[in-house]
């Protein structure tokens, strides 16, 4: 056999129609992009609804905490007023446990 004078063909030698089609002939691509945008919009709406539900749960818990705190502090203030009216003073107790200084 003789020596080759032409280089072997590769993928870059395959003739295709890519790049020759005008943008106006690809309406299916526009429909696909519109559908993808609809799906993304639907997902974002679901995400927003979940976030709003979570925020309402958090806000409800904060309101409960404030209510419980006001009840507890109201009882403490009433007890302090009662003690101040009777004139009883607080007796300091010695600290319990081991005290460690850092």
N, C-alpha and C. Protein backbone atom coordinates (compact mmCIF):
# COMPACT_ATOMS: atom_id res chain seq x y z
N UNK A 1 0.83 -1.18 0.00
CA UNK A 1 0.00 0.00 0.00
C UNK A 1 0.87 1.25 0.00
N UNK A 2 0.31 2.29 -0.46
CA UNK A 2 1.06 3.53 -0.52
C UNK A 2 0.86 4.37 0.75
N UNK A 3 1.57 5.41 0.84
CA UNK A 3 1.43 6.31 1.98
C UNK A 3 0.23 7.22 1.78
N UNK A 4 -0.39 7.59 2.88
CA UNK A 4 -1.58 8.46 2.83
C UNK A 4 -1.15 9.90 2.61
N UNK A 5 -1.83 10.53 1.73
CA UNK A 5 -1.54 11.94 1.50
C UNK A 5 -2.58 12.83 2.17
N UNK A 6 -3.76 12.30 2.47
CA UNK A 6 -4.81 13.06 3.15
C UNK A 6 -4.85 12.65 4.62
N UNK A 7 -5.07 13.61 5.52
CA UNK A 7 -5.22 13.25 6.93
C UNK A 7 -6.54 12.52 7.13
N UNK A 8 -6.63 11.65 8.15
CA UNK A 8 -7.90 10.92 8.39
C UNK A 8 -9.00 11.89 8.82
N UNK A 9 -10.25 11.52 8.50
CA UNK A 9 -11.39 12.38 8.84
C UNK A 9 -11.71 12.24 10.33
N UNK A 10 -12.21 13.33 10.92
CA UNK A 10 -12.59 13.33 12.34
C UNK A 10 -13.99 13.92 12.47
N UNK A 11 -14.43 14.11 13.72
CA UNK A 11 -15.78 14.65 13.96
C UNK A 11 -15.96 16.04 13.37
N UNK A 12 -14.89 16.81 13.34
CA UNK A 12 -15.02 18.17 12.82
C UNK A 12 -15.26 18.18 11.31
N UNK A 13 -15.06 17.06 10.63
CA UNK A 13 -15.27 16.99 9.19
C UNK A 13 -16.70 16.63 8.81
N UNK A 14 -17.53 16.28 9.80
CA UNK A 14 -18.92 15.89 9.52
C UNK A 14 -19.72 17.15 9.21
N UNK A 15 -20.42 17.15 8.11
CA UNK A 15 -21.20 18.31 7.68
C UNK A 15 -22.57 18.27 8.37
N UNK A 16 -22.92 19.38 9.02
CA UNK A 16 -24.23 19.49 9.69
C UNK A 16 -24.90 20.78 9.26
N UNK A 17 -26.16 20.94 9.67
CA UNK A 17 -26.90 22.15 9.36
C UNK A 17 -26.93 23.11 10.56
N UNK A 18 -26.15 22.84 11.59
CA UNK A 18 -26.18 23.71 12.76
C UNK A 18 -25.64 25.07 12.38
N UNK A 19 -26.29 26.10 12.90
CA UNK A 19 -25.88 27.45 12.60
C UNK A 19 -26.47 28.01 11.32
N UNK A 20 -27.11 27.19 10.53
CA UNK A 20 -27.69 27.65 9.27
C UNK A 20 -29.18 27.94 9.39
N UNK A 21 -29.79 27.49 10.49
CA UNK A 21 -31.22 27.67 10.67
C UNK A 21 -31.48 29.05 11.25
N UNK A 22 -32.45 29.76 10.70
CA UNK A 22 -32.76 31.10 11.22
C UNK A 22 -33.57 30.98 12.51
N UNK A 23 -33.53 32.04 13.30
CA UNK A 23 -34.22 32.06 14.60
C UNK A 23 -35.73 31.97 14.42
N UNK A 24 -36.26 32.47 13.34
CA UNK A 24 -37.69 32.46 13.10
C UNK A 24 -38.24 31.07 12.85
N UNK A 25 -37.42 30.16 12.44
CA UNK A 25 -37.88 28.81 12.14
C UNK A 25 -37.91 27.91 13.39
N UNK A 26 -37.56 28.45 14.54
CA UNK A 26 -37.47 27.61 15.74
C UNK A 26 -38.54 28.01 16.77
N UNK A 27 -39.77 28.00 16.38
CA UNK A 27 -40.85 28.37 17.29
C UNK A 27 -41.01 27.35 18.42
N UNK A 28 -40.62 26.10 18.18
CA UNK A 28 -40.73 25.08 19.23
C UNK A 28 -39.84 25.45 20.41
N UNK A 29 -38.73 26.12 20.13
CA UNK A 29 -37.82 26.52 21.20
C UNK A 29 -38.50 27.57 22.09
N UNK A 30 -39.25 28.47 21.49
CA UNK A 30 -39.98 29.48 22.27
C UNK A 30 -41.05 28.84 23.14
N UNK A 31 -41.77 27.85 22.59
CA UNK A 31 -42.78 27.15 23.38
C UNK A 31 -42.13 26.42 24.56
N UNK A 32 -40.98 25.81 24.30
CA UNK A 32 -40.28 25.09 25.37
C UNK A 32 -39.84 26.06 26.46
N UNK A 33 -39.30 27.21 26.09
CA UNK A 33 -38.86 28.19 27.08
C UNK A 33 -40.05 28.74 27.87
N UNK A 34 -41.18 28.95 27.19
CA UNK A 34 -42.38 29.43 27.89
C UNK A 34 -42.85 28.39 28.91
N UNK A 35 -42.82 27.12 28.53
CA UNK A 35 -43.19 26.06 29.46
C UNK A 35 -42.25 25.97 30.64
N UNK A 36 -40.96 26.12 30.38
CA UNK A 36 -39.97 26.09 31.47
C UNK A 36 -40.19 27.25 32.43
N UNK A 37 -40.51 28.43 31.88
CA UNK A 37 -40.78 29.58 32.74
C UNK A 37 -42.04 29.37 33.58
N UNK A 38 -43.06 28.75 33.00
CA UNK A 38 -44.28 28.44 33.77
C UNK A 38 -43.97 27.51 34.93
N UNK A 39 -43.17 26.49 34.67
CA UNK A 39 -42.80 25.56 35.74
C UNK A 39 -42.02 26.26 36.84
N UNK A 40 -41.09 27.12 36.46
CA UNK A 40 -40.32 27.84 37.47
C UNK A 40 -41.21 28.76 38.28
N UNK A 41 -42.15 29.42 37.61
CA UNK A 41 -43.09 30.30 38.31
C UNK A 41 -43.92 29.49 39.31
N UNK A 42 -44.39 28.33 38.92
CA UNK A 42 -45.18 27.48 39.81
C UNK A 42 -44.35 27.05 41.02
N UNK A 43 -43.09 26.66 40.79
CA UNK A 43 -42.23 26.25 41.90
C UNK A 43 -41.98 27.41 42.85
N UNK A 44 -41.74 28.59 42.31
CA UNK A 44 -41.49 29.77 43.16
C UNK A 44 -42.74 30.13 43.97
N UNK A 45 -43.92 30.00 43.39
CA UNK A 45 -45.15 30.27 44.14
C UNK A 45 -45.33 29.29 45.28
N UNK A 46 -45.04 28.03 45.02
CA UNK A 46 -45.12 27.02 46.09
C UNK A 46 -44.11 27.32 47.20
N UNK A 47 -42.93 27.74 46.81
CA UNK A 47 -41.89 28.08 47.78
C UNK A 47 -42.32 29.28 48.62
N UNK A 48 -42.94 30.28 47.98
CA UNK A 48 -43.41 31.46 48.70
C UNK A 48 -44.52 31.08 49.68
N UNK A 49 -45.45 30.22 49.26
CA UNK A 49 -46.54 29.79 50.15
C UNK A 49 -45.99 29.06 51.37
N UNK A 50 -45.00 28.20 51.15
CA UNK A 50 -44.40 27.47 52.27
C UNK A 50 -43.70 28.44 53.22
N UNK A 51 -43.02 29.43 52.66
CA UNK A 51 -42.33 30.42 53.50
C UNK A 51 -43.33 31.23 54.31
N UNK A 52 -44.44 31.62 53.70
CA UNK A 52 -45.44 32.39 54.42
C UNK A 52 -46.09 31.58 55.54
N UNK A 53 -46.33 30.28 55.27
CA UNK A 53 -46.87 29.42 56.34
C UNK A 53 -45.88 29.33 57.50
N UNK A 54 -44.61 29.17 57.17
CA UNK A 54 -43.59 29.07 58.21
C UNK A 54 -43.49 30.37 59.00
N UNK A 55 -43.58 31.51 58.32
CA UNK A 55 -43.55 32.79 59.01
C UNK A 55 -44.74 32.96 59.94
N UNK A 56 -45.92 32.51 59.52
CA UNK A 56 -47.09 32.64 60.39
C UNK A 56 -46.94 31.76 61.63
N UNK A 57 -46.34 30.58 61.48
CA UNK A 57 -46.10 29.71 62.65
C UNK A 57 -45.11 30.37 63.60
N UNK A 58 -44.07 30.97 63.05
CA UNK A 58 -43.07 31.65 63.88
C UNK A 58 -43.69 32.84 64.59
N UNK A 59 -44.48 33.63 63.88
CA UNK A 59 -45.13 34.79 64.50
C UNK A 59 -46.09 34.37 65.60
N UNK A 60 -46.83 33.28 65.40
CA UNK A 60 -47.74 32.78 66.44
C UNK A 60 -46.97 32.37 67.68
N UNK A 61 -45.83 31.71 67.48
CA UNK A 61 -45.03 31.27 68.64
C UNK A 61 -44.46 32.47 69.38
N UNK A 62 -44.02 33.50 68.66
CA UNK A 62 -43.51 34.71 69.31
C UNK A 62 -44.60 35.36 70.15
N UNK A 63 -45.83 35.39 69.63
CA UNK A 63 -46.95 35.95 70.39
C UNK A 63 -47.21 35.12 71.65
N UNK A 64 -47.14 33.80 71.55
CA UNK A 64 -47.33 32.93 72.72
C UNK A 64 -46.24 33.19 73.75
N UNK A 65 -45.01 33.32 73.29
CA UNK A 65 -43.89 33.57 74.21
C UNK A 65 -44.09 34.89 74.95
N UNK A 66 -44.49 35.93 74.22
CA UNK A 66 -44.72 37.23 74.86
C UNK A 66 -45.85 37.15 75.87
N UNK A 67 -46.91 36.40 75.55
CA UNK A 67 -48.03 36.24 76.48
C UNK A 67 -47.59 35.51 77.74
N UNK A 68 -46.88 34.39 77.57
CA UNK A 68 -46.41 33.63 78.73
C UNK A 68 -45.44 34.46 79.58
N UNK A 69 -44.59 35.23 78.92
CA UNK A 69 -43.64 36.07 79.63
C UNK A 69 -44.37 37.14 80.45
N UNK A 70 -45.40 37.74 79.87
CA UNK A 70 -46.14 38.78 80.59
C UNK A 70 -46.87 38.18 81.80
N UNK A 71 -47.37 36.97 81.66
CA UNK A 71 -48.02 36.30 82.80
C UNK A 71 -47.02 36.06 83.91
N UNK A 72 -45.85 35.53 83.56
CA UNK A 72 -44.82 35.24 84.56
C UNK A 72 -44.33 36.51 85.24
N UNK A 73 -44.04 37.54 84.45
CA UNK A 73 -43.54 38.78 85.03
C UNK A 73 -44.62 39.49 85.85
N UNK A 74 -45.87 39.35 85.43
CA UNK A 74 -46.97 39.93 86.21
C UNK A 74 -47.05 39.30 87.58
N UNK A 75 -46.86 37.99 87.65
CA UNK A 75 -46.87 37.32 88.95
C UNK A 75 -45.70 37.73 89.82
N UNK A 76 -44.54 37.90 89.23
CA UNK A 76 -43.36 38.31 89.99
C UNK A 76 -43.53 39.73 90.51
N UNK A 77 -44.04 40.62 89.67
CA UNK A 77 -44.25 42.00 90.10
C UNK A 77 -45.28 42.09 91.22
N UNK A 78 -46.34 41.29 91.12
CA UNK A 78 -47.36 41.29 92.17
C UNK A 78 -46.77 40.79 93.48
N UNK A 79 -45.92 39.77 93.41
CA UNK A 79 -45.28 39.24 94.63
C UNK A 79 -44.33 40.27 95.23
N UNK A 80 -43.58 40.98 94.38
CA UNK A 80 -42.68 42.02 94.88
C UNK A 80 -43.45 43.14 95.56
N UNK A 81 -44.59 43.52 94.97
CA UNK A 81 -45.41 44.57 95.59
C UNK A 81 -45.94 44.11 96.94
N UNK A 82 -46.37 42.87 97.03
CA UNK A 82 -46.91 42.33 98.28
C UNK A 82 -45.83 42.32 99.35
N UNK A 83 -44.61 41.94 98.98
CA UNK A 83 -43.51 41.90 99.94
C UNK A 83 -43.12 43.30 100.38
N UNK A 84 -43.14 44.24 99.47
CA UNK A 84 -42.77 45.61 99.84
C UNK A 84 -43.82 46.23 100.76
N UNK A 85 -45.09 45.85 100.58
CA UNK A 85 -46.15 46.37 101.44
C UNK A 85 -46.04 45.79 102.84
N UNK A 86 -45.69 44.53 102.97
CA UNK A 86 -45.60 43.90 104.29
C UNK A 86 -44.28 44.24 104.97
N UNK A 87 -43.31 44.76 104.24
CA UNK A 87 -42.04 45.16 104.84
C UNK A 87 -41.06 44.03 105.01
N UNK A 88 -41.36 42.87 104.50
CA UNK A 88 -40.41 41.76 104.65
C UNK A 88 -39.29 41.97 103.64
N UNK A 89 -38.09 41.75 104.09
CA UNK A 89 -36.94 41.91 103.21
C UNK A 89 -36.46 40.54 102.76
N UNK A 90 -35.77 40.56 101.69
CA UNK A 90 -35.24 39.31 101.17
C UNK A 90 -34.03 38.88 101.98
N UNK A 91 -34.00 37.64 102.35
CA UNK A 91 -32.86 37.09 103.08
C UNK A 91 -31.95 36.43 102.06
N UNK A 92 -30.69 36.89 102.06
CA UNK A 92 -29.75 36.31 101.12
C UNK A 92 -29.29 34.96 101.62
N UNK A 93 -29.35 33.99 100.74
CA UNK A 93 -28.91 32.65 101.06
C UNK A 93 -27.47 32.50 100.59
N UNK A 94 -26.70 31.71 101.29
CA UNK A 94 -25.33 31.49 100.82
C UNK A 94 -25.36 30.71 99.51
N UNK A 95 -24.41 30.98 98.61
CA UNK A 95 -24.40 30.28 97.33
C UNK A 95 -24.18 28.78 97.52
N UNK A 96 -24.84 28.01 96.67
CA UNK A 96 -24.73 26.55 96.75
C UNK A 96 -23.86 26.07 95.61
N UNK A 97 -23.19 24.98 95.83
CA UNK A 97 -22.39 24.38 94.78
C UNK A 97 -20.98 24.95 94.75
N UNK A 98 -20.25 24.53 93.77
CA UNK A 98 -18.87 24.95 93.62
C UNK A 98 -18.82 26.16 92.71
N UNK A 99 -18.11 27.19 93.15
CA UNK A 99 -17.96 28.41 92.34
C UNK A 99 -16.58 28.38 91.71
N UNK A 100 -16.55 28.48 90.43
CA UNK A 100 -15.28 28.45 89.70
C UNK A 100 -15.09 29.78 89.01
N UNK A 101 -13.93 30.40 89.19
CA UNK A 101 -13.63 31.64 88.50
C UNK A 101 -12.84 31.32 87.26
N UNK A 102 -13.18 31.96 86.20
CA UNK A 102 -12.47 31.75 84.94
C UNK A 102 -11.58 32.92 84.66
